[in-house]
Amino acid sequence: MLQFFRKRPEMPSAADALPGRSTPIPTTETHFVNGHPLKGPYPEGSEQIVLGLGCFWGTERKFWQLPDGIVVTAVGYAGGFTPNPTYEEVCSGMTGHNEVVLVVYDPAVRPLEAVLKTFFENHDPTQGMRQGNDVGTQYRSGIYTANEAQAETARRVREAYGEALKARGFGEITTEIVPLDTFYFAEGYHQQYLAKNPAGYCGVGGTGVTCPIGTGVAA
């Protein structure tokens, strides 16, 4: 049992990953903070992107607290192999999944560049398979895109922020940018966890380096 929960610093292969299950893990229906439907339908014109930047409790709060342009947020798992994983399975390092946040946003109010500015400024994207004291493949920096236009924007912002980090003495950015395969909603108790448990663990940090992307949107 201890081996199952050991933190793993490297990705498993698809062949070694846990088998998972065919049915989704139950989650909540509505967002605890704004009451919007967690799984949609989302408003016409809204867009979705999935982001991994460390423990998903604290990172989700960063996005639902933005002053405008965010429709809904939800925590879950992406970037791995195991279908419909549980939190315990993801933490074992044997699913390949990342702890991620689904951000549904209105691009007319908060463009993707502004969403990614929040992403990059609220974690250290140079740490590989960890964020601070949180170690494991589920804490890696990742952007999981819905289409090539999102991927192109993400690469451009990553490059600009990488240059800003280098100028401040940081190493290379390790953020992966890959097409989203499947987003699996996490269990209900994880959704908007820090709104339900204000004194809970946050784990959100950053480099203190501002992402040099002009968005025209208030932070």
Protein backbone atom coordinates (compact mmCIF):
# COMPACT_ATOMS: atom_id res chain seq x y z
CA MET A 1 0.00 0.00 0.00
CA LEU A 2 2.84 2.42 0.78
CA GLN A 3 4.30 1.70 -2.65
CA PHE A 4 0.96 2.68 -4.24
CA PHE A 5 1.09 6.16 -2.70
CA ARG A 6 4.80 6.81 -3.25
CA LYS A 7 5.48 10.01 -5.18
CA ARG A 8 6.88 9.25 -8.62
CA PRO A 9 9.14 11.76 -10.39
CA GLU A 10 8.74 10.17 -13.81
CA MET A 11 5.82 9.39 -16.09
CA PRO A 12 4.59 5.79 -16.36
CA SER A 13 4.19 4.21 -19.77
CA ALA A 14 0.73 3.57 -21.16
CA ALA A 15 1.36 -0.15 -20.66
CA ASP A 16 2.24 0.33 -16.98
CA ALA A 17 -0.58 2.74 -16.15
CA LEU A 18 -3.47 1.72 -13.91
CA PRO A 19 -6.49 0.33 -15.78
CA GLY A 20 -9.08 2.76 -14.42
CA ARG A 21 -12.75 2.23 -15.12
CA SER A 22 -15.40 2.78 -17.79
CA THR A 23 -17.72 4.99 -15.72
CA PRO A 24 -16.99 8.57 -14.62
CA ILE A 25 -16.23 9.38 -11.00
CA PRO A 26 -19.25 11.20 -9.45
CA THR A 27 -18.83 14.95 -8.97
CA THR A 28 -20.99 17.95 -8.10
CA GLU A 29 -23.48 19.51 -10.50
CA THR A 30 -22.95 23.23 -9.83
CA HIS A 31 -20.08 25.57 -8.99
CA PHE A 32 -20.03 26.18 -5.23
CA VAL A 33 -19.10 29.87 -5.65
CA ASN A 34 -21.11 31.14 -8.62
CA GLY A 35 -23.81 28.46 -8.99
CA HIS A 36 -23.14 27.86 -12.69
CA PRO A 37 -23.47 24.30 -14.05
CA LEU A 38 -20.10 22.63 -13.65
CA LYS A 39 -20.40 20.51 -16.81
CA GLY A 40 -22.35 23.01 -18.88
CA PRO A 41 -24.04 23.89 -21.05
CA TYR A 42 -21.75 26.92 -21.17
CA PRO A 43 -22.75 30.26 -22.74
CA GLU A 44 -22.43 30.68 -26.48
CA GLY A 45 -19.09 32.21 -27.39
CA SER A 46 -17.27 30.93 -24.31
CA GLU A 47 -14.09 28.88 -24.70
CA GLN A 48 -12.35 26.27 -22.57
CA ILE A 49 -8.74 25.55 -21.69
CA VAL A 50 -7.22 23.11 -19.19
CA LEU A 51 -4.23 24.15 -17.09
CA GLY A 52 -1.90 22.35 -14.69
CA LEU A 53 0.11 24.47 -12.26
CA GLY A 54 0.43 22.48 -9.05
CA CYS A 55 -2.08 21.41 -6.40
CA PHE A 56 -5.45 22.08 -7.98
CA TRP A 57 -7.18 23.40 -4.85
CA GLY A 58 -5.23 26.64 -4.76
CA THR A 59 -4.87 27.04 -8.49
CA GLU A 60 -8.59 26.78 -9.14
CA ARG A 61 -9.23 29.61 -6.66
CA LYS A 62 -6.86 31.89 -8.57
CA PHE A 63 -9.11 31.65 -11.62
CA TRP A 64 -12.56 31.88 -10.02
CA GLN A 65 -11.36 34.96 -8.13
CA LEU A 66 -10.55 36.87 -11.33
CA PRO A 67 -12.83 39.91 -11.48
CA ASP A 68 -14.48 39.22 -14.82
CA GLY A 69 -14.55 37.01 -17.88
CA ILE A 70 -14.54 33.64 -16.10
CA VAL A 71 -17.68 31.57 -16.61
CA VAL A 72 -16.85 28.53 -14.51
CA THR A 73 -13.89 26.59 -13.14
CA ALA A 74 -13.55 22.93 -12.21
CA VAL A 75 -10.73 20.69 -11.03
CA GLY A 76 -9.88 17.39 -12.59
CA TYR A 77 -7.28 15.22 -14.28
CA ALA A 78 -5.72 15.32 -17.76
CA GLY A 79 -2.60 14.41 -19.67
CA GLY A 80 -2.42 10.75 -18.69
CA PHE A 81 -3.53 7.27 -19.65
CA THR A 82 -5.95 5.89 -17.04
CA PRO A 83 -9.65 6.35 -17.88
CA ASN A 84 -11.80 7.94 -15.15
CA PRO A 85 -9.08 7.96 -12.48
CA THR A 86 -9.62 8.60 -8.79
CA TYR A 87 -7.64 11.16 -6.81
CA GLU A 88 -5.76 8.39 -5.00
CA GLU A 89 -4.82 6.78 -8.31
CA VAL A 90 -3.54 10.06 -9.73
CA CYS A 91 -1.49 10.67 -6.57
CA SER A 92 0.13 7.26 -6.96
CA GLY A 93 1.88 8.50 -10.11
CA MET A 94 0.62 5.45 -11.99
CA THR A 95 -1.97 7.14 -14.21
CA GLY A 96 0.21 9.76 -15.92
CA HIS A 97 -2.42 12.40 -15.19
CA ASN A 98 -1.82 15.94 -14.04
CA GLU A 99 -3.93 17.79 -11.45
CA VAL A 100 -5.56 20.43 -13.62
CA VAL A 101 -8.13 23.21 -13.70
CA LEU A 102 -10.75 23.56 -16.42
CA VAL A 103 -11.22 27.28 -17.12
CA VAL A 104 -14.28 28.29 -19.12
CA TYR A 105 -13.83 31.92 -20.13
CA ASP A 106 -15.41 34.62 -22.27
CA PRO A 107 -12.68 35.63 -24.75
CA ALA A 108 -14.45 38.91 -25.49
CA VAL A 109 -13.96 39.94 -21.86
CA ARG A 110 -10.84 38.01 -20.83
CA PRO A 111 -8.80 36.86 -23.82
CA LEU A 112 -6.67 33.73 -23.66
CA GLU A 113 -3.51 35.82 -23.23
CA ALA A 114 -4.95 37.17 -19.97
CA VAL A 115 -5.89 33.68 -18.76
CA LEU A 116 -2.35 32.48 -19.52
CA LYS A 117 -0.83 35.50 -17.78
CA THR A 118 -2.60 34.37 -14.58
CA PHE A 119 -1.37 30.83 -15.24
CA PHE A 120 2.29 31.73 -15.62
CA GLU A 121 2.41 34.28 -12.79
CA ASN A 122 1.00 31.89 -10.20
CA HIS A 123 3.49 29.02 -10.30
CA ASP A 124 7.10 28.29 -11.15
CA PRO A 125 7.07 26.66 -14.60
CA THR A 126 10.76 25.73 -14.43
CA GLN A 127 10.53 22.97 -11.80
CA GLY A 128 9.65 19.91 -13.87
CA MET A 129 7.66 17.28 -11.97
CA ARG A 130 6.98 19.41 -8.91
CA GLN A 131 5.76 22.68 -7.45
CA GLY A 132 7.66 23.63 -4.33
CA ASN A 133 7.19 20.90 -1.72
CA ASP A 134 4.61 19.12 -3.89
CA VAL A 135 6.55 16.46 -5.78
CA GLY A 136 5.18 14.10 -8.42
CA THR A 137 4.07 13.89 -12.02
CA GLN A 138 0.63 15.30 -11.11
CA TYR A 139 2.21 18.65 -10.21
CA ARG A 140 3.89 19.38 -13.55
CA SER A 141 3.27 22.57 -15.48
CA GLY A 142 0.97 21.97 -18.44
CA ILE A 143 -1.37 23.67 -20.92
CA TYR A 144 -3.89 21.35 -22.58
CA THR A 145 -5.40 23.02 -25.60
CA ALA A 146 -8.70 22.68 -27.45
CA ASN A 147 -7.37 23.68 -30.87
CA GLU A 148 -4.29 24.86 -32.75
CA ALA A 149 -5.14 28.54 -32.28
CA GLN A 150 -4.96 28.07 -28.51
CA ALA A 151 -1.71 26.12 -28.86
CA GLU A 152 -0.14 28.87 -30.96
CA THR A 153 -1.11 31.51 -28.40
CA ALA A 154 0.20 29.33 -25.56
CA ARG A 155 3.56 28.83 -27.29
CA ARG A 156 3.89 32.57 -27.90
CA VAL A 157 3.13 33.46 -24.28
CA ARG A 158 5.41 30.69 -23.00
CA GLU A 159 8.29 32.01 -25.11
CA ALA A 160 7.80 35.59 -23.91
CA TYR A 161 7.60 34.56 -20.28
CA GLY A 162 10.60 32.27 -20.70
CA GLU A 163 12.69 35.21 -21.82
CA ALA A 164 11.55 37.22 -18.80
CA LEU A 165 12.49 34.34 -16.49
CA LYS A 166 15.92 33.94 -18.06
CA ALA A 167 16.58 37.63 -17.53
CA ARG A 168 15.92 37.06 -13.82
CA GLY A 169 18.22 34.03 -13.58
CA PHE A 170 15.66 31.21 -13.78
CA GLY A 171 16.13 28.03 -15.80
CA GLU A 172 14.24 26.76 -18.82
CA ILE A 173 10.46 26.53 -18.76
CA THR A 174 9.23 22.94 -18.55
CA THR A 175 5.56 23.69 -19.32
CA GLU A 176 4.14 21.11 -21.71
CA ILE A 177 1.69 22.34 -24.36
CA VAL A 178 -0.31 19.45 -25.80
CA PRO A 179 -3.76 18.93 -27.27
CA LEU A 180 -6.32 17.96 -24.65
CA ASP A 181 -7.34 14.33 -24.94
CA THR A 182 -9.89 14.03 -22.13
CA PHE A 183 -10.64 16.11 -19.05
CA TYR A 184 -11.88 13.99 -16.17
CA PHE A 185 -13.80 15.88 -13.48
CA ALA A 186 -12.40 15.27 -10.00
CA GLU A 187 -14.52 14.05 -7.11
CA GLY A 188 -17.10 16.46 -5.72
CA TYR A 189 -15.25 17.29 -2.52
CA HIS A 190 -12.32 18.66 -4.53
CA GLN A 191 -14.46 21.12 -6.51
CA GLN A 192 -13.95 24.70 -5.22
CA TYR A 193 -12.29 23.10 -2.18
CA LEU A 194 -10.91 26.33 -0.72
CA ALA A 195 -14.32 28.02 -0.84
CA LYS A 196 -15.69 25.16 1.26
CA ASN A 197 -12.54 24.96 3.44
CA PRO A 198 -11.05 28.49 3.62
CA ALA A 199 -8.22 27.39 5.92
CA GLY A 200 -7.26 24.46 3.70
CA TYR A 201 -3.91 23.86 2.02
CA CYS A 202 -3.27 26.17 -0.93
CA GLY A 203 0.17 25.38 -2.37
CA VAL A 204 0.07 28.23 -4.90
CA GLY A 205 3.33 30.06 -5.44
CA GLY A 206 5.10 31.90 -8.21
CA THR A 207 8.41 33.30 -9.33
CA GLY A 208 7.63 36.97 -8.71
CA VAL A 209 8.34 37.63 -12.40
CA THR A 210 5.59 39.42 -14.32
CA CYS A 211 4.51 37.84 -17.59
CA PRO A 212 5.27 40.49 -20.26
CA ILE A 213 2.03 40.12 -22.19
CA GLY A 214 -0.17 43.15 -22.70
CA THR A 215 -3.81 42.14 -22.29
CA GLY A 216 -5.69 45.31 -21.42
CA VAL A 217 -7.52 43.33 -18.75
CA ALA A 218 -7.38 44.01 -15.02
CA ALA A 219 -5.72 41.23 -13.04
